[in-house]
Amino acid sequence: MTMIFCRGCGKEIHESAPLCPHCGAPQVTNNTLQQKTASPDWTAITSLIIACFVLLAFMGIDKADTDQLVGGLMFCAGSIVLGIINLQQHRPGKTMAIVAIVLASIALLICLGSTS
């Protein structure tokens, strides 16, 4: 059990306390600073990469065969699901997840439009 001193009143408190129980002053530690400056989560990055690849793959196709269509639909769905997971869990990379969902939706429309 490690104790530290409050940044507000100077009394001894536990190191994991977010607020001082004596004066209520917030305790900013290296752990909380690292959490605030965390890089985007892997789900947002993966979702964006998959959406970009599927969008690029279907941009030049006039008519897709069944295998291309099924693969495109599966990857679009996976990208959208990963983006939604990122948004629901309030992880870093919210903007990246939104862009991935939009790109995957566009790729899905292009994929479905290439069936005719």
C-alpha atoms as a PDB file:
ATOM      1  CA  MET A   1       0.000   0.000   0.000  1.00  0.00           C
ATOM      2  CA  THR A   2       1.767   3.090  -1.280  1.00  0.00           C
ATOM      3  CA  MET A   3       0.829   6.489  -0.015  1.00  0.00           C
ATOM      4  CA  ILE A   4       1.412   9.847  -1.694  1.00  0.00           C
ATOM      5  CA  PHE A   5       0.762  13.431  -0.683  1.00  0.00           C
ATOM      6  CA  CYS A   6      -2.260  15.377  -1.919  1.00  0.00           C
ATOM      7  CA  ARG A   7      -1.505  18.057  -4.498  1.00  0.00           C
ATOM      8  CA  GLY A   8      -4.071  20.354  -2.879  1.00  0.00           C
ATOM      9  CA  CYS A   9      -3.789  20.065   0.912  1.00  0.00           C
ATOM     10  CA  GLY A  10      -0.583  18.017   1.337  1.00  0.00           C
ATOM     11  CA  LYS A  11      -2.163  15.285   3.470  1.00  0.00           C
ATOM     12  CA  GLU A  12      -1.220  11.659   2.896  1.00  0.00           C
ATOM     13  CA  ILE A  13      -3.585   9.707   0.604  1.00  0.00           C
ATOM     14  CA  HIS A  14      -3.529   6.406  -1.274  1.00  0.00           C
ATOM     15  CA  GLU A  15      -1.780   6.571  -4.675  1.00  0.00           C
ATOM     16  CA  SER A  16      -4.806   5.289  -6.611  1.00  0.00           C
ATOM     17  CA  ALA A  17      -7.202   7.938  -5.258  1.00  0.00           C
ATOM     18  CA  PRO A  18      -8.471  10.150  -8.113  1.00  0.00           C
ATOM     19  CA  LEU A  19      -9.603  12.799  -5.603  1.00  0.00           C
ATOM     20  CA  CYS A  20      -8.313  13.728  -2.163  1.00  0.00           C
ATOM     21  CA  PRO A  21     -10.752  12.466   0.517  1.00  0.00           C
ATOM     22  CA  HIS A  22      -9.823  15.442   2.709  1.00  0.00           C
ATOM     23  CA  CYS A  23     -10.060  18.430   0.360  1.00  0.00           C
ATOM     24  CA  GLY A  24     -11.478  16.960  -2.878  1.00  0.00           C
ATOM     25  CA  ALA A  25      -8.584  18.126  -5.060  1.00  0.00           C
ATOM     26  CA  PRO A  26      -8.093  16.054  -8.239  1.00  0.00           C
ATOM     27  CA  GLN A  27      -4.898  14.014  -8.304  1.00  0.00           C
ATOM     28  CA  VAL A  28      -3.259  13.973 -11.742  1.00  0.00           C
ATOM     29  CA  THR A  29      -0.816  11.094 -12.079  1.00  0.00           C
ATOM     30  CA  ASN A  30       1.294   9.745 -14.910  1.00  0.00           C
ATOM     31  CA  ASN A  31      -1.254   6.951 -15.442  1.00  0.00           C
ATOM     32  CA  THR A  32      -4.123   9.369 -16.026  1.00  0.00           C
ATOM     33  CA  LEU A  33      -1.992  11.476 -18.361  1.00  0.00           C
ATOM     34  CA  GLN A  34      -1.081   8.380 -20.377  1.00  0.00           C
ATOM     35  CA  GLN A  35      -4.747   7.386 -20.636  1.00  0.00           C
ATOM     36  CA  LYS A  36      -5.706  10.830 -21.964  1.00  0.00           C
ATOM     37  CA  THR A  37      -2.976  10.833 -24.616  1.00  0.00           C
ATOM     38  CA  ALA A  38      -3.521   7.220 -25.695  1.00  0.00           C
ATOM     39  CA  SER A  39      -3.254   6.407 -29.360  1.00  0.00           C
ATOM     40  CA  PRO A  40      -6.308   5.317 -31.353  1.00  0.00           C
ATOM     41  CA  ASP A  41      -7.531   1.848 -30.580  1.00  0.00           C
ATOM     42  CA  TRP A  42      -6.763  -1.079 -32.885  1.00  0.00           C
ATOM     43  CA  THR A  43     -10.449  -1.555 -33.683  1.00  0.00           C
ATOM     44  CA  ALA A  44     -10.706   1.893 -35.293  1.00  0.00           C
ATOM     45  CA  ILE A  45      -7.479   1.433 -37.247  1.00  0.00           C
ATOM     46  CA  THR A  46      -8.432  -2.054 -38.447  1.00  0.00           C
ATOM     47  CA  SER A  47     -11.911  -0.909 -39.402  1.00  0.00           C
ATOM     48  CA  LEU A  48     -10.526   1.969 -41.455  1.00  0.00           C
ATOM     49  CA  ILE A  49      -7.945  -0.191 -43.237  1.00  0.00           C
ATOM     50  CA  ILE A  50     -10.527  -2.836 -44.164  1.00  0.00           C
ATOM     51  CA  ALA A  51     -12.979  -0.195 -45.401  1.00  0.00           C
ATOM     52  CA  CYS A  52     -10.309   1.432 -47.582  1.00  0.00           C
ATOM     53  CA  PHE A  53      -9.242  -1.883 -49.108  1.00  0.00           C
ATOM     54  CA  VAL A  54     -12.800  -2.935 -49.917  1.00  0.00           C
ATOM     55  CA  LEU A  55     -13.622   0.484 -51.360  1.00  0.00           C
ATOM     56  CA  LEU A  56     -10.519   0.416 -53.552  1.00  0.00           C
ATOM     57  CA  ALA A  57     -11.187  -3.167 -54.625  1.00  0.00           C
ATOM     58  CA  PHE A  58     -14.703  -2.407 -55.869  1.00  0.00           C
ATOM     59  CA  MET A  59     -14.002   0.986 -57.460  1.00  0.00           C
ATOM     60  CA  GLY A  60     -12.788  -0.530 -60.744  1.00  0.00           C
ATOM     61  CA  ILE A  61     -15.167  -3.478 -60.996  1.00  0.00           C
ATOM     62  CA  ASP A  62     -18.136  -3.147 -63.353  1.00  0.00           C
ATOM     63  CA  LYS A  63     -19.718  -6.494 -62.553  1.00  0.00           C
ATOM     64  CA  ALA A  64     -18.681  -8.624 -59.564  1.00  0.00           C
ATOM     65  CA  ASP A  65     -18.934 -12.386 -59.508  1.00  0.00           C
ATOM     66  CA  THR A  66     -20.430 -14.270 -56.545  1.00  0.00           C
ATOM     67  CA  ASP A  67     -17.117 -14.774 -54.725  1.00  0.00           C
ATOM     68  CA  GLN A  68     -16.205 -11.091 -54.974  1.00  0.00           C
ATOM     69  CA  LEU A  69     -19.658 -10.093 -53.833  1.00  0.00           C
ATOM     70  CA  VAL A  70     -19.651 -12.387 -50.779  1.00  0.00           C
ATOM     71  CA  GLY A  71     -16.117 -11.344 -49.825  1.00  0.00           C
ATOM     72  CA  GLY A  72     -16.937  -7.670 -50.203  1.00  0.00           C
ATOM     73  CA  LEU A  73     -20.082  -7.987 -48.113  1.00  0.00           C
ATOM     74  CA  MET A  74     -18.239  -9.866 -45.360  1.00  0.00           C
ATOM     75  CA  PHE A  75     -15.401  -7.358 -45.180  1.00  0.00           C
ATOM     76  CA  CYS A  76     -17.809  -4.396 -45.250  1.00  0.00           C
ATOM     77  CA  ALA A  77     -19.829  -5.926 -42.427  1.00  0.00           C
ATOM     78  CA  GLY A  78     -16.660  -6.612 -40.422  1.00  0.00           C
ATOM     79  CA  SER A  79     -15.451  -3.056 -40.879  1.00  0.00           C
ATOM     80  CA  ILE A  80     -18.787  -1.606 -39.802  1.00  0.00           C
ATOM     81  CA  VAL A  81     -18.956  -3.894 -36.751  1.00  0.00           C
ATOM     82  CA  LEU A  82     -15.424  -2.945 -35.641  1.00  0.00           C
ATOM     83  CA  GLY A  83     -16.241   0.757 -36.042  1.00  0.00           C
ATOM     84  CA  ILE A  84     -19.412   0.401 -33.987  1.00  0.00           C
ATOM     85  CA  ILE A  85     -17.551  -1.516 -31.264  1.00  0.00           C
ATOM     86  CA  ASN A  86     -15.036   1.311 -31.057  1.00  0.00           C
ATOM     87  CA  LEU A  87     -17.788   3.908 -30.735  1.00  0.00           C
ATOM     88  CA  GLN A  88     -19.790   1.911 -28.168  1.00  0.00           C
ATOM     89  CA  GLN A  89     -16.798   1.354 -25.890  1.00  0.00           C
ATOM     90  CA  HIS A  90     -15.795   5.036 -25.986  1.00  0.00           C
ATOM     91  CA  ARG A  91     -12.251   4.197 -27.038  1.00  0.00           C
ATOM     92  CA  PRO A  92      -9.805   6.659 -28.599  1.00  0.00           C
ATOM     93  CA  GLY A  93     -10.125   7.052 -32.364  1.00  0.00           C
ATOM     94  CA  LYS A  94     -13.784   8.060 -32.536  1.00  0.00           C
ATOM     95  CA  THR A  95     -13.304  10.110 -35.708  1.00  0.00           C
ATOM     96  CA  MET A  96     -11.394   7.288 -37.361  1.00  0.00           C
ATOM     97  CA  ALA A  97     -14.186   4.840 -36.513  1.00  0.00           C
ATOM     98  CA  ILE A  98     -16.841   7.163 -37.967  1.00  0.00           C
ATOM     99  CA  VAL A  99     -14.845   7.590 -41.188  1.00  0.00           C
ATOM    100  CA  ALA A 100     -14.422   3.806 -41.397  1.00  0.00           C
ATOM    101  CA  ILE A 101     -18.167   3.225 -41.002  1.00  0.00           C
ATOM    102  CA  VAL A 102     -18.956   5.775 -43.718  1.00  0.00           C
ATOM    103  CA  LEU A 103     -16.342   4.342 -46.114  1.00  0.00           C
ATOM    104  CA  ALA A 104     -17.524   0.785 -45.461  1.00  0.00           C
ATOM    105  CA  SER A 105     -21.119   1.854 -46.127  1.00  0.00           C
ATOM    106  CA  ILE A 106     -20.084   3.459 -49.413  1.00  0.00           C
ATOM    107  CA  ALA A 107     -18.118   0.330 -50.333  1.00  0.00           C
ATOM    108  CA  LEU A 108     -21.178  -1.754 -49.455  1.00  0.00           C
ATOM    109  CA  LEU A 109     -23.337   0.320 -51.802  1.00  0.00           C
ATOM    110  CA  ILE A 110     -20.766   0.020 -54.584  1.00  0.00           C
ATOM    111  CA  CYS A 111     -20.510  -3.718 -53.941  1.00  0.00           C
ATOM    112  CA  LEU A 112     -24.264  -4.169 -54.142  1.00  0.00           C
ATOM    113  CA  GLY A 113     -24.435  -1.933 -57.220  1.00  0.00           C
ATOM    114  CA  SER A 114     -21.918  -4.082 -59.080  1.00  0.00           C
ATOM    115  CA  THR A 115     -24.223  -7.106 -59.048  1.00  0.00           C
ATOM    116  CA  SER A 116     -26.390  -5.950 -61.946  1.00  0.00           C
END
